[in-house]
Protein backbone atom coordinates (compact mmCIF):
# COMPACT_ATOMS: atom_id res chain seq x y z
CA UNK A 1 -9.62 12.47 11.80
CA UNK A 2 -8.96 10.35 8.65
CA UNK A 3 -8.45 12.31 5.45
CA UNK A 4 -10.33 11.44 2.28
CA UNK A 5 -9.25 12.77 -1.10
CA UNK A 6 -11.37 10.95 -3.66
CA UNK A 7 -11.41 12.28 -7.23
CA UNK A 8 -14.85 12.93 -8.67
CA UNK A 9 -14.22 10.47 -11.51
CA UNK A 10 -13.33 7.58 -9.16
CA UNK A 11 -15.83 4.74 -9.02
CA UNK A 12 -16.61 2.96 -5.73
CA UNK A 13 -18.54 -0.30 -5.43
CA UNK A 14 -20.90 -1.32 -2.66
CA UNK A 15 -19.85 -1.88 0.97
CA UNK A 16 -16.47 -0.13 0.87
CA UNK A 17 -14.79 0.06 4.30
CA UNK A 18 -12.32 2.89 4.99
CA UNK A 19 -10.38 2.86 8.27
CA UNK A 20 -7.69 5.48 7.58
CA UNK A 21 -6.48 8.12 5.15
CA UNK A 22 -7.41 7.40 1.53
CA UNK A 23 -6.43 9.13 -1.73
CA UNK A 24 -8.02 7.95 -4.99
CA UNK A 25 -6.82 9.60 -8.20
CA UNK A 26 -8.76 10.17 -11.42
CA UNK A 27 -10.31 7.13 -13.05
CA UNK A 28 -9.75 4.72 -10.14
CA UNK A 29 -12.26 1.84 -9.98
CA UNK A 30 -12.95 0.07 -6.68
CA UNK A 31 -15.03 -3.13 -6.57
CA UNK A 32 -17.47 -4.20 -3.90
CA UNK A 33 -16.47 -5.13 -0.35
CA UNK A 34 -12.96 -3.65 -0.51
CA UNK A 35 -11.37 -2.62 2.82
CA UNK A 36 -8.77 0.18 3.21
CA UNK A 37 -6.60 0.48 6.35
CA UNK A 38 -4.01 3.00 7.59
CA UNK A 39 -2.93 5.31 4.75
CA UNK A 40 -3.51 4.39 1.09
CA UNK A 41 -2.66 6.40 -2.03
CA UNK A 42 -3.78 5.06 -5.41
CA UNK A 43 -2.72 6.40 -8.81
CA UNK A 44 -4.80 7.17 -11.87
CA UNK A 45 -6.91 4.51 -13.60
CA UNK A 46 -5.96 1.71 -11.21
CA UNK A 47 -8.56 -1.03 -10.70
CA UNK A 48 -9.05 -2.86 -7.40
CA UNK A 49 -11.41 -5.81 -7.69
CA UNK A 50 -13.98 -7.01 -5.19
CA UNK A 51 -12.98 -8.32 -1.78
CA UNK A 52 -9.43 -6.92 -1.75
CA UNK A 53 -7.86 -5.70 1.50
CA UNK A 54 -5.44 -2.78 1.11
CA UNK A 55 -3.12 -1.65 3.91
CA UNK A 56 -3.72 -4.55 6.27
CA UNK A 57 -1.62 -3.94 9.40
CA UNK A 58 0.69 -6.74 10.53
CA UNK A 59 -0.54 -8.14 13.83
CA UNK A 60 1.72 -10.17 16.11
CA UNK A 61 0.28 -12.71 18.54
CA UNK A 62 3.42 -12.63 20.69
CA UNK A 63 4.68 -16.10 19.81
CA UNK A 64 6.73 -15.42 16.65
CA UNK A 65 10.51 -14.94 16.62
CA UNK A 66 10.50 -12.08 14.14
CA UNK A 67 9.62 -8.60 15.34
CA UNK A 68 6.93 -6.93 13.26
CA UNK A 69 7.03 -3.30 12.18
CA UNK A 70 4.48 -1.42 10.12
CA UNK A 71 7.21 1.00 9.01
CA UNK A 72 5.83 3.90 6.99
CA UNK A 73 2.31 2.38 7.29
CA UNK A 74 1.42 3.82 3.86
CA UNK A 75 0.48 1.85 0.76
CA UNK A 76 1.35 3.62 -2.48
CA UNK A 77 -0.04 2.07 -5.65
CA UNK A 78 0.88 3.60 -9.00
CA UNK A 79 -1.18 4.34 -12.09
CA UNK A 80 -2.89 1.81 -14.36
CA UNK A 81 -2.47 -1.11 -11.96
CA UNK A 82 -4.84 -4.04 -11.46
CA UNK A 83 -5.29 -5.54 -7.99
CA UNK A 84 -7.14 -8.85 -8.16
CA UNK A 85 -10.18 -10.05 -6.29
CA UNK A 86 -9.56 -10.95 -2.63
CA UNK A 87 -5.90 -9.95 -2.80
CA UNK A 88 -4.44 -8.86 0.55
CA UNK A 89 -1.87 -6.06 0.53
CA UNK A 90 -0.25 -5.25 3.86
CA UNK A 91 0.94 -1.85 4.97
CA UNK A 92 4.21 -0.08 4.01
CA UNK A 93 4.12 -1.08 0.34
CA UNK A 94 5.35 0.71 -2.76
CA UNK A 95 3.89 -0.50 -6.04
CA UNK A 96 4.88 1.08 -9.36
CA UNK A 97 2.85 1.79 -12.48
CA UNK A 98 1.11 -0.87 -14.62
CA UNK A 99 1.60 -3.59 -12.02
CA UNK A 100 -0.69 -6.63 -12.10
CA UNK A 101 -1.47 -8.45 -8.86
CA UNK A 102 -3.60 -11.56 -9.27
CA UNK A 103 -6.63 -12.80 -7.37
CA UNK A 104 -5.91 -14.14 -3.87
CA UNK A 105 -2.31 -12.89 -3.81
CA UNK A 106 -0.89 -11.86 -0.44
CA UNK A 107 1.88 -9.25 -0.22
CA UNK A 108 3.39 -8.57 3.18
CA UNK A 109 4.66 -5.32 4.70
CA UNK A 110 7.79 -3.62 3.41
CA UNK A 111 7.70 -5.00 -0.15
CA UNK A 112 8.59 -2.99 -3.24
CA UNK A 113 7.24 -3.79 -6.74
CA UNK A 114 8.63 -1.88 -9.71
CA UNK A 115 6.81 -0.84 -12.89
CA UNK A 116 5.15 -3.49 -15.08
CA UNK A 117 5.86 -6.35 -12.71
CA UNK A 118 3.38 -9.21 -12.31
CA UNK A 119 2.50 -11.09 -9.12
CA UNK A 120 0.26 -13.97 -10.14
CA UNK A 121 -2.81 -15.60 -8.68
CA UNK A 122 -2.34 -16.99 -5.20
CA UNK A 123 1.28 -15.85 -4.88
CA UNK A 124 2.51 -15.44 -1.29
CA UNK A 125 5.07 -12.65 -1.03
CA UNK A 126 6.63 -12.26 2.39
CA UNK A 127 8.02 -9.16 4.14
CA UNK A 128 10.65 -6.71 2.83
CA UNK A 129 11.14 -8.32 -0.57
CA UNK A 130 11.81 -6.49 -3.83
CA UNK A 131 10.61 -7.21 -7.38
CA UNK A 132 12.28 -5.41 -10.27
CA UNK A 133 10.67 -3.91 -13.35
CA UNK A 134 8.93 -6.29 -15.78
CA UNK A 135 9.58 -9.35 -13.64
CA UNK A 136 6.94 -12.09 -13.57
CA UNK A 137 6.04 -14.24 -10.58
CA UNK A 138 3.60 -16.87 -11.73
CA UNK A 139 0.66 -18.45 -9.87
CA UNK A 140 1.24 -20.18 -6.56
CA UNK A 141 4.87 -19.16 -6.04
CA UNK A 142 6.15 -18.40 -2.53
CA UNK A 143 8.54 -15.46 -2.30
CA UNK A 144 10.27 -15.48 1.06
CA UNK A 145 11.12 -12.49 3.24
CA UNK A 146 14.16 -10.32 2.50
CA UNK A 147 14.44 -11.60 -1.07
CA UNK A 148 15.76 -9.61 -4.04
CA UNK A 149 14.39 -10.21 -7.54
CA UNK A 150 15.96 -7.97 -10.16
CA UNK A 151 14.33 -6.75 -13.40
CA UNK A 152 13.19 -9.05 -16.22
CA UNK A 153 13.17 -12.20 -14.09
CA UNK A 154 10.70 -15.06 -14.64
CA UNK A 155 9.65 -17.18 -11.67
CA UNK A 156 7.46 -20.11 -12.65
CA UNK A 157 4.36 -21.49 -10.96
CA UNK A 158 4.81 -23.25 -7.65
CA UNK A 159 8.37 -22.05 -7.06
CA UNK A 160 9.33 -21.99 -3.37
CA UNK A 161 12.05 -19.96 -1.69
CA UNK A 162 13.40 -19.89 1.86
CA UNK A 163 15.38 -17.37 3.89
CA UNK A 164 16.54 -19.35 6.92
CA UNK A 165 19.12 -22.14 6.91
CA UNK A 166 19.20 -22.12 10.72
CA UNK A 167 15.52 -22.73 11.38
CA UNK A 168 16.30 -25.88 13.40
CA UNK A 169 17.66 -23.70 16.22
CA UNK A 170 16.18 -20.31 15.36
CA UNK A 171 12.60 -21.50 15.83
CA UNK A 172 13.37 -22.10 19.54
CA UNK A 173 15.04 -18.71 19.96
CA UNK A 174 18.47 -20.37 20.33
CA UNK A 175 19.86 -18.14 17.56
CA UNK A 176 19.03 -14.51 16.89
CA UNK A 177 16.67 -13.92 13.97
CA UNK A 178 18.72 -13.06 10.88
CA UNK A 179 16.91 -14.36 7.82
CA UNK A 180 17.88 -13.46 4.25
CA UNK A 181 16.32 -14.80 1.09
CA UNK A 182 17.96 -15.61 -2.22
CA UNK A 183 18.95 -13.01 -4.80
CA UNK A 184 17.82 -13.54 -8.40
CA UNK A 185 19.73 -11.45 -10.91
CA UNK A 186 18.42 -9.90 -14.11
CA UNK A 187 17.11 -12.15 -16.94
CA UNK A 188 17.22 -15.30 -14.78
CA UNK A 189 14.49 -17.92 -15.14
CA UNK A 190 13.31 -20.19 -12.32
CA UNK A 191 11.35 -23.17 -13.63
CA UNK A 192 8.08 -24.59 -12.35
CA UNK A 193 8.27 -26.13 -8.90
CA UNK A 194 11.95 -25.29 -8.31
CA UNK A 195 13.22 -24.45 -4.83
CA UNK A 196 15.81 -21.79 -3.93
CA UNK A 197 17.71 -22.00 -0.65
CA UNK A 198 18.44 -19.08 1.66
CA UNK A 199 21.17 -16.54 0.87
CA UNK A 200 22.17 -17.99 -2.52
CA UNK A 201 22.53 -15.96 -5.72
CA UNK A 202 21.09 -16.94 -9.08
CA UNK A 203 23.31 -15.21 -11.59
CA UNK A 204 22.34 -12.98 -14.50
CA UNK A 205 20.55 -14.94 -17.23
CA UNK A 206 20.83 -18.26 -15.38
CA UNK A 207 18.18 -20.99 -15.71
CA UNK A 208 17.07 -23.19 -12.82
CA UNK A 209 15.24 -26.16 -14.36
CA UNK A 210 11.74 -27.20 -13.24
CA UNK A 211 11.81 -29.17 -10.00
CA UNK A 212 15.45 -28.36 -9.25
CA UNK A 213 16.65 -27.62 -5.72
CA UNK A 214 19.29 -24.88 -5.83
CA UNK A 215 21.35 -25.00 -2.64
CA UNK A 216 24.32 -22.90 -3.77
CA UNK A 217 25.10 -19.97 -6.07
CA UNK A 218 24.38 -20.42 -9.77
CA UNK A 219 26.85 -18.70 -12.13
CA UNK A 220 25.56 -16.18 -14.71
CA UNK A 221 24.13 -17.68 -17.92
CA UNK A 222 24.31 -21.24 -16.57
CA UNK A 223 21.62 -23.95 -16.71
CA UNK A 224 21.28 -26.07 -13.57
CA UNK A 225 18.99 -29.03 -12.86
CA UNK A 226 18.46 -31.83 -10.37
CA UNK A 227 18.30 -32.40 -6.63
CA UNK A 228 20.55 -30.84 -5.54
CA UNK A 229 20.95 -28.68 -8.64
CA UNK A 230 24.12 -29.21 -10.69
CA UNK A 231 25.51 -27.32 -13.65
CA UNK A 232 24.43 -28.74 -17.02
CA UNK A 233 25.62 -26.28 -19.64
CA UNK A 234 25.83 -22.56 -20.41
CA UNK A 235 22.86 -20.83 -21.97
CA UNK A 236 23.17 -20.93 -25.76
CA UNK A 237 25.31 -18.02 -26.91
CA UNK A 238 22.85 -16.94 -29.61
CA UNK A 239 20.02 -16.84 -27.07
CA UNK A 240 22.16 -14.89 -24.64
CA UNK A 241 23.13 -12.39 -27.34
CA UNK A 242 19.53 -11.88 -28.47
CA UNK A 243 18.39 -11.10 -24.92
CA UNK A 244 21.12 -8.52 -24.43
CA UNK A 245 20.41 -6.95 -27.83
CA UNK A 246 16.73 -6.70 -26.96
CA UNK A 247 17.69 -4.31 -24.15
CA UNK A 248 20.61 -2.63 -25.96
CA UNK A 249 23.09 -4.18 -23.54
CA UNK A 250 26.47 -5.87 -23.87
CA UNK A 251 28.43 -8.28 -21.68
CA UNK A 252 30.43 -5.36 -20.29
CA UNK A 253 27.29 -3.92 -18.70
CA UNK A 254 27.36 -6.81 -16.20
CA UNK A 255 31.07 -6.83 -15.39
């Protein structure tokens, strides 16, 4: 029998559908036509706008190469978050406090979003990816599966990322599935429309220019641009120093 623990101060809109365990803390606001699956726990004062789907189970048709697992099957959303209209959040998610998820965003199973991160309107975030605290993923970006985004990263609109350099053979089952997305280190900035290849690392404080195609590792505090991306120049030293000072850090903290 599903368990319901809904605080008396929580507000529920019309036509709410609940298909599993649901915990709503004090001050939670749920819009109309929201659907809850599996097990969902929502922290204080979080707002979920109309049409959102929370805890959607992954469903495999039997023709994909990647095995699908619901994992924990629980969605945990922290306090003071905003989940946009018609956003779809799969199962096995952990979302911190003060997180903003835009309208029409889709976040797949196994993802982890830290406090004060932003996932913009229409962002597609694939399975088992991680977003660090205060990072921003702007509208229309595609975050591939098994991708690591550290804290204080900015990913511009329309950025695309991939996790499979062997798709030519892997799609036919001729290689075992072993996809891994790029890693984006702290303070890095990925410009509008840039593309990041599988398994590469974008170093701390690096800048990938708009429209660039990064096919190999980018050193820390380096600006790259072009197709394929090439090193242009280091980030200005004064800019670099001001960022580190803003967070009471020094160069030695990244050695």
